[in-house]
Protein backbone atom coordinates (compact mmCIF):
# COMPACT_ATOMS: atom_id res chain seq x y z
CA MET A 1 95.98 115.83 99.24
CA ASN A 2 95.01 118.19 101.95
CA ARG A 3 96.89 119.04 105.65
CA ARG A 4 94.71 116.36 107.44
CA ASP A 5 95.41 113.53 104.56
CA HIS A 6 99.32 114.43 104.99
CA ALA A 7 99.83 114.56 108.20
CA MET A 8 97.87 111.61 109.03
CA LYS A 9 100.26 109.84 106.15
CA GLU A 10 103.47 111.02 108.17
CA ALA A 11 101.91 109.70 111.63
CA GLY A 12 101.29 106.34 110.13
CA VAL A 13 97.33 106.78 111.18
CA ILE A 14 95.61 104.10 109.77
CA GLY A 15 93.54 106.76 107.88
CA GLU A 16 89.83 107.54 107.37
CA PRO A 17 87.19 104.86 106.39
CA GLN A 18 87.19 103.71 102.71
CA GLY A 19 84.33 102.60 100.95
CA THR A 20 81.53 104.57 102.69
CA ASP A 21 79.34 107.47 102.11
CA GLN A 22 79.20 110.65 104.75
CA ALA A 23 76.38 108.31 106.83
CA GLY A 24 78.79 105.14 106.78
CA GLY A 25 76.63 103.18 104.18
CA SER A 26 76.75 99.23 103.74
CA GLY A 27 80.21 99.16 104.32
CA LEU A 28 79.99 100.56 107.28
CA ASP A 29 77.15 98.07 108.52
CA ASN A 30 79.46 94.84 107.11
CA ASP A 31 82.32 96.42 109.09
CA LYS A 32 80.16 96.33 112.42
CA ARG A 33 78.78 92.78 111.73
CA GLN A 34 82.49 91.69 111.27
CA LEU A 35 83.50 92.65 114.11
CA ALA A 36 80.26 91.50 116.11
CA ALA A 37 80.68 88.17 114.27
CA ALA A 38 83.90 87.90 115.81
CA VAL A 39 83.45 88.76 119.56
CA ALA A 40 80.28 86.37 119.52
CA GLY A 41 82.29 83.34 118.00
CA PHE A 42 84.84 83.74 120.78
CA PHE A 43 82.05 83.96 123.56
CA ARG A 44 80.24 81.58 122.17
CA ASP A 45 81.65 78.72 124.27
CA ARG A 46 82.59 80.57 126.89
CA ARG A 47 80.87 81.41 130.03
CA LEU A 48 81.26 84.63 130.97
CA VAL A 49 81.20 86.73 134.39
CA VAL A 50 80.56 90.36 134.16
CA VAL A 51 81.28 93.25 137.20
CA SER A 52 79.26 96.28 136.41
CA SER A 53 77.20 99.36 138.02
CA ARG A 54 76.18 100.38 135.27
CA PRO A 55 72.72 99.64 133.63
CA THR A 56 72.76 100.97 130.30
CA VAL A 57 76.01 98.69 129.81
CA ASN A 58 74.21 95.70 131.02
CA THR A 59 71.52 96.43 128.91
CA TRP A 60 73.36 96.66 125.95
CA LEU A 61 75.26 93.80 126.57
CA LEU A 62 72.78 91.31 127.24
CA ASP A 63 70.70 92.14 123.86
CA PHE A 64 74.14 91.82 122.65
CA PHE A 65 74.57 88.36 123.90
CA ARG A 66 70.11 87.39 123.21
CA ALA A 67 70.85 88.71 119.40
CA HIS A 68 73.86 86.38 118.92
CA GLY A 69 72.37 83.71 120.90
CA LEU A 70 75.01 83.47 123.34
CA PRO A 71 74.86 82.02 126.77
CA MET A 72 73.65 84.87 129.24
CA PRO A 73 76.64 86.14 131.65
CA PHE A 74 76.71 86.03 135.12
CA LEU A 75 76.05 89.59 136.09
CA VAL A 76 78.30 90.81 139.49
CA LEU A 77 75.91 94.15 140.56
CA GLY A 78 77.16 96.89 142.66
CA ASP A 79 74.14 98.85 144.07
CA THR A 80 72.22 98.82 140.39
CA GLU A 81 68.53 97.97 139.49
CA GLY A 82 66.72 96.83 136.44
CA VAL A 83 68.64 93.53 135.61
CA PRO A 84 65.84 91.08 133.98
CA GLU A 85 64.53 87.97 136.14
CA ASP A 86 66.09 85.46 133.45
CA VAL A 87 69.64 86.93 133.87
CA PRO A 88 71.69 85.22 136.61
CA SER A 89 73.03 87.69 138.77
CA HIS A 90 74.25 88.80 142.47
CA GLU A 91 74.27 92.18 143.93
CA ILE A 92 76.98 93.27 146.37
CA ALA A 93 76.69 96.19 148.60
CA VAL A 94 79.51 98.78 148.14
CA VAL A 95 79.87 101.54 150.24
CA ALA A 96 81.88 104.83 149.95
CA SER A 97 81.49 108.27 149.52
CA THR A 98 83.52 108.92 146.45
CA ILE A 99 83.46 107.40 143.27
CA ASP A 100 87.38 106.41 143.70
CA ASP A 101 86.71 105.14 147.25
CA TRP A 102 83.86 103.08 145.93
CA LEU A 103 85.86 101.40 143.07
CA ARG A 104 88.61 100.42 145.54
CA ALA A 105 86.13 99.09 148.15
CA LEU A 106 84.60 97.02 145.10
CA GLU A 107 88.23 95.82 144.26
CA GLU A 108 88.47 94.06 147.58
CA GLN A 109 84.98 92.52 147.43
CA LEU A 110 86.53 91.08 143.95
CA LEU A 111 89.52 89.91 145.34
CA SER A 112 88.38 88.84 148.93
CA PRO A 113 84.88 87.77 147.50
CA PRO A 114 82.16 87.33 150.54
CA ALA A 115 80.73 83.96 150.55
CA GLY A 116 77.22 84.39 149.12
CA LEU A 117 78.73 85.48 146.00
CA LEU A 118 81.18 82.79 145.74
CA ALA A 119 78.51 80.23 146.05
CA ALA A 120 75.95 81.93 143.37
CA LEU A 121 79.19 81.79 140.95
CA ASP A 122 79.61 78.45 142.04
CA ALA A 123 76.21 77.27 141.44
CA PHE A 124 76.53 79.28 137.63
CA ASP A 125 80.18 78.15 137.04
CA PRO A 126 80.83 74.51 139.27
CA ASP A 127 84.12 73.70 137.39
CA ARG A 128 85.64 77.61 137.79
CA ARG A 129 86.25 77.81 133.69
CA ALA A 130 84.66 81.17 133.34
CA VAL A 131 86.26 84.41 132.58
CA VAL A 132 85.54 87.49 134.59
CA LEU A 133 85.35 91.03 132.97
CA THR A 134 86.00 93.83 135.38
CA PRO A 135 86.28 97.67 135.82
CA PRO A 136 90.08 98.40 135.73
CA LEU A 137 91.43 97.26 139.07
CA SER A 138 94.30 98.97 140.48
CA GLN A 139 96.26 96.21 141.43
CA GLY A 140 97.04 94.30 138.00
CA VAL A 141 95.79 91.33 139.07
CA ASP A 142 95.19 88.14 136.71
CA THR A 143 92.93 86.03 138.93
CA VAL A 144 89.31 87.47 140.69
CA LEU A 145 86.44 85.66 141.99
CA HIS A 146 88.75 82.35 141.49
CA ARG A 147 88.16 82.34 138.10
CA ARG A 148 90.87 83.83 135.08
CA CYS A 149 90.41 88.09 135.29
CA PHE A 150 89.71 88.38 131.55
CA GLY A 151 91.67 91.78 129.59
CA TRP A 152 93.35 92.25 133.19
CA ARG A 153 95.80 95.22 134.13
CA ARG A 154 99.47 94.38 134.11
CA PRO A 155 101.54 96.10 136.60
CA ALA A 156 103.53 97.97 134.00
CA TRP A 157 100.53 99.12 132.86
CA VAL A 158 98.48 100.23 136.25
CA ARG A 159 102.08 102.51 136.46
CA TYR A 160 100.75 104.71 133.78
CA GLU A 161 97.70 105.94 135.83
CA ASP A 162 100.34 108.05 137.98
CA LYS A 163 100.51 111.71 136.24
CA THR A 164 104.47 111.73 137.69
CA VAL A 165 105.20 109.35 134.76
CA ASN A 166 103.34 111.35 131.94
CA SER A 167 106.15 113.84 131.56
CA SER A 168 108.67 111.04 130.69
CA VAL A 169 106.33 109.09 128.01
CA TRP A 170 105.76 112.67 125.99
CA ASN A 171 109.77 113.08 125.56
CA ARG A 172 110.01 109.48 124.75
CA ALA A 173 107.24 109.45 122.49
CA GLY A 174 107.87 112.72 120.81
CA VAL A 175 104.53 114.56 121.61
CA PRO A 176 104.34 118.20 122.18
CA ALA A 177 102.98 118.60 125.73
CA VAL A 178 102.46 121.28 128.52
CA PRO A 179 105.43 121.71 130.64
CA SER A 180 105.89 120.41 134.06
CA THR A 181 107.74 119.34 136.85
CA VAL A 182 107.81 116.43 139.59
CA VAL A 183 108.00 117.70 143.21
CA ASP A 184 108.10 116.13 146.84
CA PHE A 185 104.78 117.62 148.24
CA THR A 186 106.06 120.46 150.70
CA PRO A 187 105.28 123.43 150.57
CA GLU A 188 108.66 124.92 149.82
CA SER A 189 108.82 122.56 146.77
CA LEU A 190 105.58 123.49 145.85
CA ALA A 191 106.33 127.07 146.26
CA SER A 192 109.79 127.01 143.93
CA ALA A 193 107.54 124.81 141.60
CA PHE A 194 104.98 127.68 141.54
CA ASP A 195 108.22 130.89 140.87
CA ALA A 196 109.57 128.49 138.02
CA LEU A 197 106.27 127.79 136.14
CA ASP A 198 103.69 130.61 136.43
CA ARG A 199 103.27 132.54 133.53
CA GLY A 200 100.64 135.15 135.03
CA ALA A 201 98.04 132.71 135.36
CA GLY A 202 98.92 130.71 138.14
CA VAL A 203 99.55 126.81 138.17
CA VAL A 204 97.92 123.32 138.05
CA VAL A 205 98.81 121.27 140.78
CA SER A 206 97.91 116.92 140.43
CA ALA A 207 98.54 114.75 143.31
CA ASP A 208 100.30 111.19 142.39
CA ALA A 209 99.00 107.69 143.21
CA SER A 210 101.28 107.25 146.31
CA GLU A 211 97.58 106.50 147.81
CA GLY A 212 95.73 105.05 145.64
CA LEU A 213 94.71 105.74 141.84
CA HIS A 214 91.99 108.51 141.33
CA SER A 215 90.04 110.14 138.47
CA GLY A 216 87.73 112.66 137.32
CA SER A 217 90.00 115.60 138.49
CA ALA A 218 89.54 114.26 142.56
CA ARG A 219 93.13 115.72 143.08
CA VAL A 220 93.43 118.64 141.21
CA ILE A 221 93.51 122.04 141.99
CA ARG A 222 94.42 125.39 140.48
CA VAL A 223 96.80 127.58 142.41
CA ARG A 224 96.19 131.08 140.86
CA ASP A 225 98.99 133.03 142.97
CA ARG A 226 101.60 132.69 145.68
CA ALA A 227 98.82 132.74 148.28
CA GLY A 228 97.00 130.20 147.00
CA LEU A 229 100.02 127.62 147.96
CA ASP A 230 98.17 127.14 151.43
CA LYS A 231 95.10 126.08 150.49
CA ALA A 232 96.36 123.34 147.64
CA HIS A 233 99.22 122.21 150.11
CA ALA A 234 95.87 121.46 152.92
CA PHE A 235 93.23 120.06 150.19
CA LEU A 236 96.03 117.43 149.01
CA SER A 237 97.81 116.72 152.39
CA GLY A 238 97.55 113.34 153.15
CA GLN A 239 96.77 112.32 149.44
CA CYS A 240 100.21 112.06 148.03
CA GLY A 241 104.20 111.86 148.27
CA GLN A 242 104.55 113.85 145.34
CA ALA A 243 102.74 116.25 143.04
CA VAL A 244 102.74 117.18 139.37
CA VAL A 245 103.36 121.19 138.96
CA ALA A 246 102.49 122.53 135.63
CA PRO A 247 101.38 126.11 134.44
CA PHE A 248 97.77 127.17 133.90
CA VAL A 249 97.34 126.84 130.06
CA ASP A 250 93.82 127.95 128.60
CA GLY A 251 92.16 126.10 125.82
CA MET A 252 89.76 123.35 125.42
CA SER A 253 90.30 119.83 127.32
CA CYS A 254 89.86 117.11 125.13
CA THR A 255 90.51 113.31 124.70
CA ILE A 256 91.82 111.04 122.22
CA HIS A 257 91.09 106.98 122.37
CA GLY A 258 92.60 104.32 120.61
CA MET A 259 93.36 100.54 120.96
CA VAL A 260 96.95 99.29 121.28
CA PHE A 261 97.44 96.02 118.89
CA GLU A 262 100.07 93.95 118.33
CA LYS A 263 101.33 95.58 115.05
CA ASP A 264 98.93 98.31 114.64
CA VAL A 265 97.15 101.30 116.95
CA ALA A 266 93.80 102.29 116.16
CA VAL A 267 93.11 105.52 116.94
CA TYR A 268 89.61 107.40 116.95
CA ARG A 269 89.27 111.66 116.86
CA PRO A 270 89.02 113.84 119.87
CA ILE A 271 86.26 114.28 121.55
CA GLU A 272 85.41 117.38 124.25
CA GLN A 273 86.08 116.95 127.62
CA VAL A 274 82.89 118.93 129.64
CA ILE A 275 85.64 120.20 132.51
CA LEU A 276 84.01 122.99 134.24
CA ARG A 277 86.01 125.59 136.65
CA ASP A 278 84.51 126.87 139.77
CA ALA A 279 85.08 129.89 142.06
CA GLU A 280 87.31 127.78 144.15
CA THR A 281 89.50 126.80 141.43
CA PHE A 282 88.47 122.85 141.10
CA PHE A 283 87.75 121.68 138.19
CA PRO A 284 84.43 119.77 137.98
CA LEU A 285 84.76 116.48 134.92
CA LEU A 286 81.22 116.30 133.99
CA GLY A 287 81.82 113.73 130.69
CA GLY A 288 82.76 113.77 127.24
CA ASN A 289 80.91 115.40 124.08
CA ALA A 290 81.19 113.65 120.45
CA GLN A 291 79.17 116.42 119.08
CA TRP A 292 82.23 118.84 118.69
CA SER A 293 84.45 118.70 115.83
CA PRO A 294 87.48 120.09 115.17
CA SER A 295 88.88 121.57 112.45
CA GLN A 296 90.72 118.85 109.64
CA GLU A 297 93.86 119.68 110.70
CA ASP A 298 93.74 119.26 114.33
CA PHE A 299 91.66 116.10 113.71
CA ALA A 300 94.37 114.88 112.18
CA GLU A 301 97.07 115.90 114.57
CA ALA A 302 95.34 114.69 117.74
CA ARG A 303 94.98 111.10 115.90
CA ALA A 304 99.08 111.50 114.91
CA MET A 305 99.38 112.58 118.96
CA ALA A 306 97.27 109.22 119.97
CA LYS A 307 99.07 106.79 117.89
CA ARG A 308 102.56 107.84 118.48
CA VAL A 309 101.94 107.55 122.51
CA GLY A 310 99.89 104.04 121.61
CA GLU A 311 103.04 102.72 120.02
CA GLN A 312 105.63 103.93 122.93
CA LEU A 313 103.20 102.26 125.35
CA ARG A 314 103.43 99.28 123.46
CA ASP A 315 106.87 99.45 122.42
CA GLU A 316 107.88 100.16 126.47
CA ALA A 317 105.32 97.93 128.56
CA GLY A 318 103.91 95.58 126.05
CA TYR A 319 100.64 97.48 126.35
CA ARG A 320 97.61 95.97 124.50
CA GLY A 321 94.32 97.30 124.81
CA SER A 322 92.40 100.46 125.21
CA PHE A 323 93.90 103.77 125.75
CA GLY A 324 93.07 107.65 126.18
CA VAL A 325 95.39 110.81 125.77
CA ASP A 326 94.14 113.69 127.33
CA ALA A 327 95.31 117.14 125.88
CA ILE A 328 94.76 120.82 126.06
CA LEU A 329 93.70 122.34 122.26
CA THR A 330 95.87 125.76 122.83
CA ALA A 331 96.78 128.52 120.12
CA ASP A 332 99.57 126.68 119.22
CA GLY A 333 98.07 123.28 118.69
CA PHE A 334 97.25 120.02 121.17
CA ARG A 335 99.50 120.22 123.86
CA ALA A 336 99.52 116.57 126.21
CA ILE A 337 98.53 116.26 129.94
CA GLU A 338 97.33 112.74 130.51
CA ILE A 339 97.81 109.12 129.67
CA ASN A 340 94.69 106.61 130.53
CA ALA A 341 95.87 103.18 130.11
CA ARG A 342 92.42 101.83 130.34
CA MET A 343 88.86 101.95 128.38
CA GLY A 344 87.82 105.27 128.17
CA GLY A 345 84.17 105.69 129.69
CA PHE A 346 83.24 108.14 127.00
CA ILE A 347 83.55 105.37 124.50
CA VAL A 348 81.53 102.50 125.99
CA ASN A 349 79.36 100.40 124.63
CA GLY A 350 76.41 101.87 123.17
CA GLY A 351 77.70 105.02 121.93
CA PRO A 352 79.86 105.33 118.91
CA THR A 353 79.91 101.64 119.22
CA ALA A 354 76.42 100.79 119.39
CA GLY A 355 76.23 97.13 117.78
CA VAL A 356 80.24 96.80 118.54
CA PRO A 357 80.88 95.16 122.26
CA LEU A 358 83.95 97.49 122.55
CA ASP A 359 84.31 96.15 126.34
CA LEU A 360 84.68 92.52 124.80
CA ILE A 361 87.18 93.56 122.08
CA HIS A 362 89.09 95.27 124.60
CA ALA A 363 89.23 92.52 126.55
CA MET A 364 90.27 90.33 123.82
CA VAL A 365 92.98 92.29 122.36
CA THR A 366 94.37 92.72 125.72
CA GLU A 367 94.38 88.68 126.29
CA GLY A 368 96.11 88.09 122.90
CA GLU A 369 92.77 86.89 121.52
CA GLN A 370 92.34 89.52 118.24
CA ALA A 371 91.60 86.87 115.77
CA GLY A 372 88.99 88.13 113.51
CA ILE A 373 89.48 92.14 115.08
CA ASP A 374 91.22 93.96 112.73
CA PRO A 375 92.13 97.48 113.65
CA ALA A 376 91.56 99.09 110.55
CA THR A 377 87.97 98.05 110.76
CA LEU A 378 87.71 99.12 114.35
CA GLU A 379 88.76 102.56 113.40
CA ARG A 380 86.41 103.14 110.54
CA VAL A 381 83.31 101.85 112.95
CA ILE A 382 83.96 104.25 115.72
CA VAL A 383 85.36 107.37 113.75
CA ARG A 384 82.31 107.19 111.75
CA GLY A 385 80.20 106.11 114.86
CA PHE A 386 80.83 109.30 116.19
CA ASP A 387 78.76 111.07 113.76
CA SER A 388 75.83 109.57 114.42
CA VAL A 389 76.12 109.76 118.38
CA PRO A 390 72.22 111.00 119.38
CA GLY A 391 73.06 113.40 121.65
CA THR A 392 75.31 113.64 124.81
CA SER A 393 74.91 113.03 128.29
CA LEU A 394 76.85 114.71 131.19
CA VAL A 395 77.41 113.87 135.02
CA LEU A 396 77.81 116.92 137.15
CA PRO A 397 78.57 116.07 140.77
CA VAL A 398 77.15 117.95 143.72
CA ARG A 399 79.21 118.37 146.60
CA GLN A 400 75.80 120.42 148.83
CA GLU A 401 73.17 118.82 150.55
CA VAL A 402 70.12 118.21 149.00
CA SER A 403 67.21 117.75 150.87
CA GLY A 404 63.75 116.77 149.97
CA GLU A 405 63.04 115.93 146.20
CA LEU A 406 63.50 118.00 143.01
CA ARG A 407 61.42 117.08 140.10
CA PRO A 408 62.92 116.63 136.72
CA LEU A 409 63.28 119.46 134.03
CA LEU A 410 62.87 120.03 130.52
CA LEU A 411 64.33 123.34 128.98
CA ARG A 412 64.24 125.03 126.19
CA HIS A 413 66.83 126.83 124.95
CA THR A 414 66.87 130.68 124.37
CA PRO A 415 69.54 133.82 123.19
CA ASP A 416 69.70 134.56 126.65
CA GLY A 417 70.07 130.45 128.20
CA TYR A 418 67.42 128.06 128.90
CA ARG A 419 63.92 128.33 130.23
CA THR A 420 62.04 125.65 131.71
CA VAL A 421 59.26 124.12 129.55
CA GLY A 422 56.25 121.76 130.11
CA ALA A 423 55.98 117.92 129.57
CA ASN A 424 54.55 118.17 126.25
CA ASP A 425 56.66 120.86 124.56
CA PRO A 426 59.67 121.06 122.66
CA TYR A 427 62.89 120.54 124.90
CA ASP A 428 66.83 121.32 123.80
CA ALA A 429 68.16 119.67 127.03
CA ALA A 430 66.76 117.51 130.38
CA VAL A 431 67.81 117.55 133.87
CA ARG A 432 67.34 115.65 136.73
CA TYR A 433 68.73 115.27 139.75
CA VAL A 434 69.63 111.86 141.79
CA ARG A 435 71.07 110.47 144.74
CA THR A 436 73.98 107.71 144.06
CA PRO A 437 75.92 105.84 146.83
CA VAL A 438 78.79 108.32 146.19
CA GLY A 439 76.61 111.19 146.65
CA GLY A 440 74.22 113.24 144.63
CA ARG A 441 74.49 114.08 140.80
CA VAL A 442 72.84 116.17 138.16
CA LEU A 443 72.05 114.59 134.94
CA LEU A 444 71.87 116.94 131.66
CA ASP A 445 70.94 115.05 128.48
CA PHE A 446 71.46 117.05 125.48
CA PRO A 447 69.38 115.98 122.23
CA ALA A 448 70.94 116.27 118.98
CA ARG A 449 70.25 119.90 117.74
CA PRO A 450 71.78 121.91 114.96
CA PHE A 451 73.46 124.41 117.41
CA TYR A 452 74.74 121.95 119.31
CA ALA A 453 76.48 120.19 116.30
CA GLY A 454 80.24 120.90 116.28
CA VAL A 455 80.67 123.75 118.54
CA PRO A 456 81.94 123.18 122.43
CA LEU A 457 78.98 122.20 124.63
CA GLY A 458 80.55 123.15 127.79
CA PRO A 459 79.14 126.95 128.32
CA PHE A 460 75.47 125.47 126.92
CA ALA A 461 76.14 123.00 130.20
CA ILE A 462 76.84 126.07 132.35
CA ALA A 463 73.60 127.52 131.50
CA ALA A 464 71.64 124.47 131.92
CA ILE A 465 72.96 123.92 135.16
CA GLU A 466 72.53 127.92 136.29
CA ALA A 467 68.81 127.37 134.85
CA ALA A 468 68.18 124.06 136.53
CA THR A 469 69.49 125.73 140.02
CA ARG A 470 66.83 128.40 139.66
CA ALA A 471 64.28 126.53 139.06
CA TRP A 472 65.27 124.02 142.17
CA ARG A 473 65.74 127.18 144.52
CA LEU A 474 69.17 125.89 145.05
CA PRO A 475 72.27 128.05 146.09
CA ALA A 476 73.84 129.29 143.06
CA VAL A 477 77.35 127.84 142.11
CA ALA A 478 79.45 130.44 140.07
CA TYR A 479 80.74 127.67 136.83
CA THR A 480 82.94 129.04 133.92
CA TYR A 481 84.72 127.59 130.84
CA ALA A 482 87.84 127.08 128.62
CA THR A 483 88.48 129.87 126.36
CA VAL A 484 88.19 127.92 123.16
CA VAL A 485 90.88 129.65 121.31
CA ARG A 486 90.96 127.35 117.95
């Protein structure tokens, strides 16, 4: 038995797929069919309302319903396009300047729906027996749009999104974590915590959720020295009552997803979180990269950590459904930093779960409707699914104003970075700029290439951003990446 197998056995991890070859094989196809059939059977006689703003997810979900002969769901759309005419839908206007504010504005409309939306829904579902699938809501309610919210987050689960509760969970679950302290958000308390935790590289300060949930490193800032405390306090002022202060720890950010069942915890595999560092000490999160491969020992350690956290969430809060653990891969191994008690954005439908409606499985498990959903089968499908992801797509939020149109770019990788190429030339990255309701975004697509396989994508992302910035003649922004220590 090798170290990885031993570590997983000791941790009680369900384990590696059995009865398939490296590419998955017929055994994996049968697993996918089994899961898909269980979901299709559950929704065959149930009407579904889906609240979504992700066109790719809408397309994939509709393809699944068509393939299994299911009645089309009703789509409640927040600022999206491209929905087929034969699908019942209603679009609502959601205006905000950030993703978190956009989600809060969307939630307000779901809890106090406009008359036009209700009328459209009642025409689709006059007896109001349909179930509603929504993005994670912050308020933990079981009814939205005058219908049952399917897969709703219980109030006891929502609290885990507040970073101030994480350190106690690590202790109870017995997992190694970055040390931290929770302090009142005052200059004096921040200074005291800095002095106690700084190891020479500064500290990281994260806001609590007292002023609303936040994601994507939106309220996180690095303080390199005591002189930077005033900037940190000004940046987070009015956005929190308490803060988590932790020493800055070098290493690569990762996330490990899983799903908590009544008796088991399915765990997947660690993937790279592409989090950059800018000169202003912020941490832009671009997305996740499943092409990276950790060592076998780290693979097993990460999965064992996630399993213990999932068991802890289940035992102390009755948690069910998808969750994630964010961690830093340091020279000494994984160190946990954050819990995401919800579906992770990196593993939604169409990625490693192609052919399996993970959003719907998550909702079914949350509601205790897991008949036909076997944890070991789900684990095999997703772990193997990561091996066949065709590439990686990342999104960089752009804080600066951009006037005019920026042409899409194709980039070819060279020993010195990237260079632009023509539409008919071989390319290794595609970059385009889009305007969204919450600001400008640079979209970076990295198709599968041998030199991307198994290694962190962060340095490639920085090089592609630099090449695009030059081609578009925009002011350069200096980004750096983690020191990869293992």
